[in-house]
Amino acid sequence: MNVFVRHAKPVVAAIVLLAAALVPQHAPASPVMALPDCSGKLQAQPSQVIFACGDGNFFAHGLRWTNWGATMTSATGMGQFTDCTPNCAQGKTHSARIKVTASGRQSCPGGRPAYATVTFAWIGPSPGRAPFSMRFPCT
């Protein structure tokens, strides 16, 4: 029995090495597409996007993205803004369904790809703020 074990060890070792060599090697995963926030921090599929970075009085939240990583991606959620009448501290808050679209491509530090432009549009009647696009640079 000891003779069998002694001769089997090198055979088992050879089989293990051969099996390891036959396992396909996977290429490293490509970086996940991101969207910079107001401070330039990269986020993947953020649930919230702030449009008014200075005071945060216009943002979209509860976002659910489709086609993330494609040339263009979009999300729906709720948009919320303050009308700043008579001033932003005393203004009325408005909420409505919103569609957010991210497009364009930029290369951020470390070579990570990110969307460059964000556009929003109201779903249904506009609560008063006109749709626009803005750049979201990474730092």
N, C-alpha and C. Protein backbone atom coordinates (compact mmCIF):
# COMPACT_ATOMS: atom_id res chain seq x y z
N MET A 1 0.81 -1.20 0.00
CA MET A 1 0.00 0.00 0.00
C MET A 1 0.86 1.26 0.00
N ASN A 2 1.96 1.26 0.78
CA ASN A 2 2.84 2.41 0.82
C ASN A 2 3.48 2.69 -0.54
N VAL A 3 3.75 1.63 -1.31
CA VAL A 3 4.33 1.80 -2.64
C VAL A 3 3.32 2.53 -3.53
N PHE A 4 2.05 2.17 -3.43
CA PHE A 4 1.01 2.82 -4.23
C PHE A 4 0.92 4.30 -3.88
N VAL A 5 0.91 4.64 -2.60
CA VAL A 5 0.80 6.03 -2.16
C VAL A 5 2.02 6.81 -2.62
N ARG A 6 3.20 6.19 -2.52
CA ARG A 6 4.43 6.87 -2.90
C ARG A 6 4.42 7.20 -4.40
N HIS A 7 3.92 6.31 -5.24
CA HIS A 7 3.88 6.55 -6.67
C HIS A 7 2.69 7.40 -7.08
N ALA A 8 1.65 7.42 -6.31
CA ALA A 8 0.46 8.18 -6.65
C ALA A 8 0.64 9.67 -6.42
N LYS A 9 1.46 10.05 -5.43
CA LYS A 9 1.64 11.47 -5.11
C LYS A 9 2.14 12.27 -6.31
N PRO A 10 3.18 11.83 -7.03
CA PRO A 10 3.63 12.62 -8.18
C PRO A 10 2.58 12.66 -9.29
N VAL A 11 1.83 11.59 -9.46
CA VAL A 11 0.79 11.56 -10.50
C VAL A 11 -0.32 12.55 -10.15
N VAL A 12 -0.75 12.57 -8.91
CA VAL A 12 -1.79 13.50 -8.46
C VAL A 12 -1.30 14.94 -8.62
N ALA A 13 -0.06 15.21 -8.25
CA ALA A 13 0.50 16.55 -8.38
C ALA A 13 0.52 16.98 -9.84
N ALA A 14 0.90 16.08 -10.74
CA ALA A 14 0.93 16.39 -12.16
C ALA A 14 -0.47 16.69 -12.69
N ILE A 15 -1.46 15.93 -12.25
CA ILE A 15 -2.85 16.15 -12.68
C ILE A 15 -3.34 17.52 -12.20
N VAL A 16 -3.02 17.88 -10.98
CA VAL A 16 -3.44 19.18 -10.43
C VAL A 16 -2.80 20.31 -11.23
N LEU A 17 -1.51 20.20 -11.54
CA LEU A 17 -0.83 21.24 -12.32
C LEU A 17 -1.41 21.34 -13.73
N LEU A 18 -1.68 20.20 -14.34
CA LEU A 18 -2.27 20.20 -15.68
C LEU A 18 -3.66 20.83 -15.67
N ALA A 19 -4.47 20.50 -14.69
CA ALA A 19 -5.81 21.07 -14.59
C ALA A 19 -5.74 22.58 -14.40
N ALA A 20 -4.82 23.07 -13.59
CA ALA A 20 -4.67 24.51 -13.36
C ALA A 20 -4.27 25.21 -14.65
N ALA A 21 -3.44 24.57 -15.45
CA ALA A 21 -3.00 25.17 -16.71
C ALA A 21 -4.14 25.23 -17.72
N LEU A 22 -5.08 24.31 -17.63
CA LEU A 22 -6.18 24.26 -18.60
C LEU A 22 -7.33 25.20 -18.26
N VAL A 23 -7.39 25.71 -17.04
CA VAL A 23 -8.46 26.62 -16.64
C VAL A 23 -8.26 27.94 -17.38
N PRO A 24 -9.30 28.42 -18.10
CA PRO A 24 -9.13 29.67 -18.86
C PRO A 24 -8.86 30.85 -17.92
N GLN A 25 -7.93 31.67 -18.34
CA GLN A 25 -7.60 32.87 -17.57
C GLN A 25 -8.52 33.99 -18.03
N HIS A 26 -9.15 34.66 -17.10
CA HIS A 26 -10.08 35.74 -17.42
C HIS A 26 -9.32 37.05 -17.48
N ALA A 27 -9.70 37.86 -18.44
CA ALA A 27 -9.13 39.20 -18.53
C ALA A 27 -9.65 40.03 -17.37
N PRO A 28 -8.88 41.00 -16.91
CA PRO A 28 -9.37 41.83 -15.82
C PRO A 28 -10.65 42.55 -16.24
N ALA A 29 -11.55 42.70 -15.30
CA ALA A 29 -12.82 43.37 -15.59
C ALA A 29 -12.56 44.81 -16.00
N SER A 30 -13.31 45.28 -16.99
CA SER A 30 -13.14 46.67 -17.41
C SER A 30 -13.79 47.56 -16.34
N PRO A 31 -13.27 48.77 -16.20
CA PRO A 31 -13.82 49.67 -15.17
C PRO A 31 -15.29 49.95 -15.41
N VAL A 32 -16.04 50.07 -14.34
CA VAL A 32 -17.47 50.34 -14.41
C VAL A 32 -17.67 51.82 -14.73
N MET A 33 -18.57 52.10 -15.65
CA MET A 33 -18.91 53.48 -16.01
C MET A 33 -19.43 54.18 -14.76
N ALA A 34 -19.13 55.47 -14.64
CA ALA A 34 -19.51 56.22 -13.45
C ALA A 34 -20.15 57.54 -13.84
N LEU A 35 -20.67 58.22 -12.84
CA LEU A 35 -21.21 59.57 -13.01
C LEU A 35 -20.66 60.40 -11.85
N PRO A 36 -19.94 61.49 -12.14
CA PRO A 36 -19.43 62.32 -11.05
C PRO A 36 -20.57 63.04 -10.32
N ASP A 37 -20.41 63.22 -9.02
CA ASP A 37 -21.38 64.02 -8.26
C ASP A 37 -20.87 65.46 -8.22
N CYS A 38 -21.49 66.29 -7.40
CA CYS A 38 -21.11 67.71 -7.34
C CYS A 38 -19.66 67.94 -6.95
N SER A 39 -19.09 67.05 -6.17
CA SER A 39 -17.70 67.21 -5.75
C SER A 39 -16.73 66.48 -6.67
N GLY A 40 -17.26 65.85 -7.73
CA GLY A 40 -16.41 65.12 -8.66
C GLY A 40 -16.20 63.67 -8.27
N LYS A 41 -16.80 63.24 -7.16
CA LYS A 41 -16.66 61.84 -6.73
C LYS A 41 -17.47 60.95 -7.67
N LEU A 42 -16.85 59.86 -8.12
CA LEU A 42 -17.49 58.98 -9.08
C LEU A 42 -18.45 58.02 -8.40
N GLN A 43 -19.63 57.86 -9.01
CA GLN A 43 -20.65 56.96 -8.49
C GLN A 43 -21.20 56.13 -9.64
N ALA A 44 -21.48 54.88 -9.38
CA ALA A 44 -22.13 54.02 -10.36
C ALA A 44 -23.62 53.93 -10.03
N GLN A 45 -24.44 54.21 -11.00
CA GLN A 45 -25.89 54.16 -10.86
C GLN A 45 -26.38 54.85 -9.59
N PRO A 46 -26.08 56.13 -9.43
CA PRO A 46 -26.50 56.82 -8.21
C PRO A 46 -28.02 56.89 -8.08
N SER A 47 -28.50 56.77 -6.88
CA SER A 47 -29.94 56.87 -6.64
C SER A 47 -30.39 58.32 -6.53
N GLN A 48 -29.41 59.24 -6.42
CA GLN A 48 -29.72 60.67 -6.33
C GLN A 48 -28.71 61.45 -7.17
N VAL A 49 -29.20 62.46 -7.89
CA VAL A 49 -28.33 63.36 -8.65
C VAL A 49 -28.72 64.78 -8.25
N ILE A 50 -27.73 65.57 -7.82
CA ILE A 50 -27.98 66.96 -7.44
C ILE A 50 -27.62 67.86 -8.62
N PHE A 51 -28.55 68.71 -9.03
CA PHE A 51 -28.33 69.64 -10.13
C PHE A 51 -27.86 71.00 -9.63
N ALA A 52 -28.35 71.44 -8.48
CA ALA A 52 -27.97 72.72 -7.89
C ALA A 52 -26.91 72.45 -6.82
N CYS A 53 -25.67 72.37 -7.25
CA CYS A 53 -24.61 71.97 -6.33
C CYS A 53 -24.34 73.00 -5.23
N GLY A 54 -24.60 74.26 -5.50
CA GLY A 54 -24.32 75.30 -4.50
C GLY A 54 -25.18 75.17 -3.25
N ASP A 55 -26.48 75.01 -3.43
CA ASP A 55 -27.37 74.95 -2.27
C ASP A 55 -28.21 73.68 -2.21
N GLY A 56 -28.10 72.83 -3.21
CA GLY A 56 -28.84 71.56 -3.19
C GLY A 56 -30.33 71.71 -3.35
N ASN A 57 -30.80 72.87 -3.85
CA ASN A 57 -32.25 73.05 -3.90
C ASN A 57 -32.90 72.48 -5.16
N PHE A 58 -32.15 71.75 -5.98
CA PHE A 58 -32.74 71.04 -7.11
C PHE A 58 -32.01 69.72 -7.28
N PHE A 59 -32.75 68.63 -7.13
CA PHE A 59 -32.15 67.30 -7.23
C PHE A 59 -33.20 66.29 -7.67
N ALA A 60 -32.70 65.14 -8.10
CA ALA A 60 -33.56 64.01 -8.44
C ALA A 60 -33.19 62.87 -7.50
N HIS A 61 -34.20 62.14 -7.02
CA HIS A 61 -33.92 61.03 -6.10
C HIS A 61 -34.80 59.83 -6.45
N GLY A 62 -34.47 58.70 -5.86
CA GLY A 62 -35.21 57.47 -6.16
C GLY A 62 -34.98 57.01 -7.59
N LEU A 63 -33.81 57.31 -8.13
CA LEU A 63 -33.53 57.01 -9.53
C LEU A 63 -33.30 55.52 -9.76
N ARG A 64 -33.90 55.02 -10.84
CA ARG A 64 -33.72 53.64 -11.28
C ARG A 64 -33.21 53.71 -12.73
N TRP A 65 -31.98 53.25 -12.92
CA TRP A 65 -31.29 53.38 -14.20
C TRP A 65 -31.55 52.19 -15.13
N THR A 66 -31.54 52.46 -16.42
CA THR A 66 -31.58 51.40 -17.44
C THR A 66 -30.40 51.63 -18.38
N ASN A 67 -29.85 50.56 -18.90
CA ASN A 67 -28.73 50.59 -19.85
C ASN A 67 -27.49 51.27 -19.31
N TRP A 68 -27.23 51.13 -18.01
CA TRP A 68 -26.03 51.73 -17.43
C TRP A 68 -24.80 51.13 -18.11
N GLY A 69 -23.87 51.98 -18.50
CA GLY A 69 -22.66 51.54 -19.18
C GLY A 69 -22.74 51.71 -20.68
N ALA A 70 -23.95 51.88 -21.22
CA ALA A 70 -24.13 52.12 -22.65
C ALA A 70 -23.73 53.57 -22.97
N THR A 71 -23.73 53.93 -24.24
CA THR A 71 -23.39 55.29 -24.66
C THR A 71 -24.28 56.32 -23.98
N MET A 72 -25.54 55.96 -23.80
CA MET A 72 -26.50 56.83 -23.13
C MET A 72 -27.31 55.98 -22.16
N THR A 73 -27.55 56.50 -20.98
CA THR A 73 -28.35 55.78 -19.99
C THR A 73 -29.40 56.74 -19.44
N SER A 74 -30.49 56.20 -18.95
CA SER A 74 -31.52 57.07 -18.39
C SER A 74 -32.11 56.44 -17.14
N ALA A 75 -32.69 57.31 -16.33
CA ALA A 75 -33.32 56.88 -15.08
C ALA A 75 -34.59 57.68 -14.89
N THR A 76 -35.51 57.10 -14.15
CA THR A 76 -36.70 57.84 -13.73
C THR A 76 -36.73 57.86 -12.22
N GLY A 77 -37.35 58.88 -11.70
CA GLY A 77 -37.46 59.05 -10.26
C GLY A 77 -38.29 60.28 -9.97
N MET A 78 -38.00 60.91 -8.86
CA MET A 78 -38.70 62.13 -8.46
C MET A 78 -37.73 63.30 -8.46
N GLY A 79 -38.15 64.41 -9.05
CA GLY A 79 -37.37 65.64 -9.02
C GLY A 79 -37.94 66.56 -7.97
N GLN A 80 -37.08 67.29 -7.30
CA GLN A 80 -37.54 68.21 -6.26
C GLN A 80 -36.73 69.49 -6.35
N PHE A 81 -37.41 70.64 -6.29
CA PHE A 81 -36.73 71.93 -6.31
C PHE A 81 -37.51 72.95 -5.52
N THR A 82 -36.81 73.99 -5.13
CA THR A 82 -37.41 75.12 -4.43
C THR A 82 -37.51 76.26 -5.43
N ASP A 83 -38.66 76.94 -5.49
CA ASP A 83 -38.84 78.01 -6.48
C ASP A 83 -38.18 79.33 -6.10
N CYS A 84 -37.67 79.44 -4.90
CA CYS A 84 -36.91 80.64 -4.46
C CYS A 84 -37.74 81.92 -4.53
N THR A 85 -39.03 81.83 -4.27
CA THR A 85 -39.90 83.00 -4.24
C THR A 85 -40.47 83.16 -2.84
N PRO A 86 -40.23 84.19 -2.14
CA PRO A 86 -39.50 85.40 -2.50
C PRO A 86 -37.98 85.22 -2.46
N ASN A 87 -37.51 84.19 -1.77
CA ASN A 87 -36.08 83.85 -1.77
C ASN A 87 -35.98 82.34 -1.56
N CYS A 88 -34.80 81.80 -1.73
CA CYS A 88 -34.67 80.33 -1.67
C CYS A 88 -34.97 79.76 -0.27
N ALA A 89 -34.70 80.53 0.76
CA ALA A 89 -34.98 80.05 2.12
C ALA A 89 -36.47 79.96 2.38
N GLN A 90 -37.26 80.84 1.77
CA GLN A 90 -38.70 80.88 2.00
C GLN A 90 -39.52 80.33 0.84
N GLY A 91 -38.85 79.87 -0.21
CA GLY A 91 -39.56 79.40 -1.39
C GLY A 91 -40.32 78.11 -1.16
N LYS A 92 -41.24 77.83 -2.06
CA LYS A 92 -42.06 76.63 -2.00
C LYS A 92 -41.32 75.48 -2.67
N THR A 93 -41.42 74.29 -2.09
CA THR A 93 -40.80 73.10 -2.65
C THR A 93 -41.79 72.42 -3.59
N HIS A 94 -41.31 72.06 -4.78
CA HIS A 94 -42.12 71.38 -5.79
C HIS A 94 -41.51 70.01 -6.07
N SER A 95 -42.34 69.02 -6.31
CA SER A 95 -41.89 67.67 -6.66
C SER A 95 -42.69 67.17 -7.86
N ALA A 96 -42.02 66.41 -8.71
CA ALA A 96 -42.69 65.82 -9.87
C ALA A 96 -41.83 64.67 -10.39
N ARG A 97 -42.46 63.80 -11.17
CA ARG A 97 -41.70 62.70 -11.78
C ARG A 97 -40.72 63.29 -12.79
N ILE A 98 -39.52 62.67 -12.85
CA ILE A 98 -38.44 63.21 -13.67
C ILE A 98 -37.73 62.09 -14.41
N LYS A 99 -37.21 62.44 -15.59
CA LYS A 99 -36.34 61.52 -16.33
C LYS A 99 -34.97 62.18 -16.40
N VAL A 100 -33.94 61.45 -16.02
CA VAL A 100 -32.56 61.93 -16.05
C VAL A 100 -31.81 61.09 -17.08
N THR A 101 -31.10 61.76 -17.97
CA THR A 101 -30.32 61.07 -19.00
C THR A 101 -28.86 61.48 -18.87
N ALA A 102 -27.97 60.49 -18.85
CA ALA A 102 -26.53 60.74 -18.81
C ALA A 102 -25.94 60.27 -20.13
N SER A 103 -25.05 61.08 -20.69
CA SER A 103 -24.47 60.75 -21.98
C SER A 103 -23.07 61.35 -22.08
N GLY A 104 -22.44 61.16 -23.24
CA GLY A 104 -21.08 61.64 -23.42
C GLY A 104 -20.13 60.79 -22.61
N ARG A 105 -18.86 60.96 -22.85
CA ARG A 105 -17.88 60.14 -22.14
C ARG A 105 -16.66 61.00 -21.83
N GLN A 106 -16.14 60.80 -20.65
CA GLN A 106 -14.90 61.45 -20.24
C GLN A 106 -14.05 60.43 -19.50
N SER A 107 -12.77 60.68 -19.47
CA SER A 107 -11.85 59.81 -18.74
C SER A 107 -11.46 60.51 -17.46
N CYS A 108 -11.74 59.87 -16.33
CA CYS A 108 -11.47 60.47 -15.03
C CYS A 108 -10.13 59.96 -14.49
N PRO A 109 -9.65 60.52 -13.38
CA PRO A 109 -8.39 60.07 -12.81
C PRO A 109 -8.37 58.55 -12.64
N GLY A 110 -7.25 57.97 -12.95
CA GLY A 110 -7.12 56.52 -12.89
C GLY A 110 -7.64 55.85 -14.15
N GLY A 111 -8.08 56.66 -15.13
CA GLY A 111 -8.58 56.11 -16.38
C GLY A 111 -10.01 55.59 -16.33
N ARG A 112 -10.70 55.85 -15.23
CA ARG A 112 -12.08 55.35 -15.13
C ARG A 112 -13.00 56.14 -16.04
N PRO A 113 -13.82 55.46 -16.85
CA PRO A 113 -14.74 56.17 -17.73
C PRO A 113 -15.94 56.69 -16.96
N ALA A 114 -16.44 57.85 -17.41
CA ALA A 114 -17.61 58.43 -16.75
C ALA A 114 -18.44 59.19 -17.78
N TYR A 115 -19.72 59.27 -17.50
CA TYR A 115 -20.60 60.10 -18.32
C TYR A 115 -20.21 61.56 -18.09
N ALA A 116 -20.41 62.38 -19.13
CA ALA A 116 -19.98 63.78 -19.05
C ALA A 116 -21.13 64.77 -18.92
N THR A 117 -22.29 64.43 -19.47
CA THR A 117 -23.42 65.37 -19.52
C THR A 117 -24.67 64.73 -18.93
N VAL A 118 -25.41 65.52 -18.18
CA VAL A 118 -26.68 65.06 -17.61
C VAL A 118 -27.78 66.02 -18.06
N THR A 119 -28.88 65.44 -18.53
CA THR A 119 -30.04 66.21 -18.97
C THR A 119 -31.24 65.73 -18.18
N PHE A 120 -32.15 66.63 -17.87
CA PHE A 120 -33.38 66.18 -17.20
C PHE A 120 -34.59 66.68 -17.96
N ALA A 121 -35.68 65.96 -17.81
CA ALA A 121 -36.97 66.35 -18.37
C ALA A 121 -38.06 65.88 -17.43
N TRP A 122 -39.09 66.66 -17.30
CA TRP A 122 -40.22 66.28 -16.45
C TRP A 122 -41.07 65.25 -17.17
N ILE A 123 -41.59 64.32 -16.43
CA ILE A 123 -42.53 63.34 -16.96
C ILE A 123 -43.91 63.86 -16.60
N GLY A 124 -44.66 64.29 -17.59
CA GLY A 124 -45.96 64.90 -17.33
C GLY A 124 -45.83 66.41 -17.27
N PRO A 125 -46.80 67.07 -16.65
CA PRO A 125 -46.79 68.54 -16.60
C PRO A 125 -45.56 69.07 -15.87
N SER A 126 -45.00 70.13 -16.40
CA SER A 126 -43.83 70.76 -15.78
C SER A 126 -44.25 71.50 -14.52
N PRO A 127 -43.52 71.29 -13.43
CA PRO A 127 -43.84 72.03 -12.20
C PRO A 127 -43.22 73.42 -12.18
N GLY A 128 -42.60 73.83 -13.29
CA GLY A 128 -42.12 75.20 -13.34
C GLY A 128 -40.66 75.40 -13.67
N ARG A 129 -39.87 74.39 -13.68
CA ARG A 129 -38.44 74.56 -13.99
C ARG A 129 -38.19 74.00 -15.39
N ALA A 130 -37.57 74.79 -16.27
CA ALA A 130 -37.34 74.37 -17.65
C ALA A 130 -36.24 73.31 -17.71
N PRO A 131 -36.40 72.29 -18.56
CA PRO A 131 -35.35 71.26 -18.72
C PRO A 131 -34.05 71.87 -19.21
N PHE A 132 -32.95 71.30 -18.82
CA PHE A 132 -31.64 71.75 -19.28
C PHE A 132 -30.63 70.61 -19.16
N SER A 133 -29.47 70.83 -19.78
CA SER A 133 -28.35 69.90 -19.70
C SER A 133 -27.20 70.59 -19.01
N MET A 134 -26.38 69.82 -18.34
CA MET A 134 -25.19 70.37 -17.71
C MET A 134 -24.08 69.34 -17.70
N ARG A 135 -22.85 69.82 -17.69
CA ARG A 135 -21.69 68.93 -17.63
C ARG A 135 -21.42 68.55 -16.17
N PHE A 136 -21.00 67.32 -15.99
CA PHE A 136 -20.63 66.80 -14.67
C PHE A 136 -19.17 66.38 -14.74
N PRO A 137 -18.22 67.31 -14.52
CA PRO A 137 -16.80 66.96 -14.64
C PRO A 137 -16.30 66.13 -13.45
N CYS A 138 -15.34 65.28 -13.75
CA CYS A 138 -14.69 64.55 -12.66
C CYS A 138 -13.43 65.31 -12.27
N THR A 139 -13.00 65.12 -11.06
CA THR A 139 -11.81 65.84 -10.59
C THR A 139 -10.69 64.88 -10.29
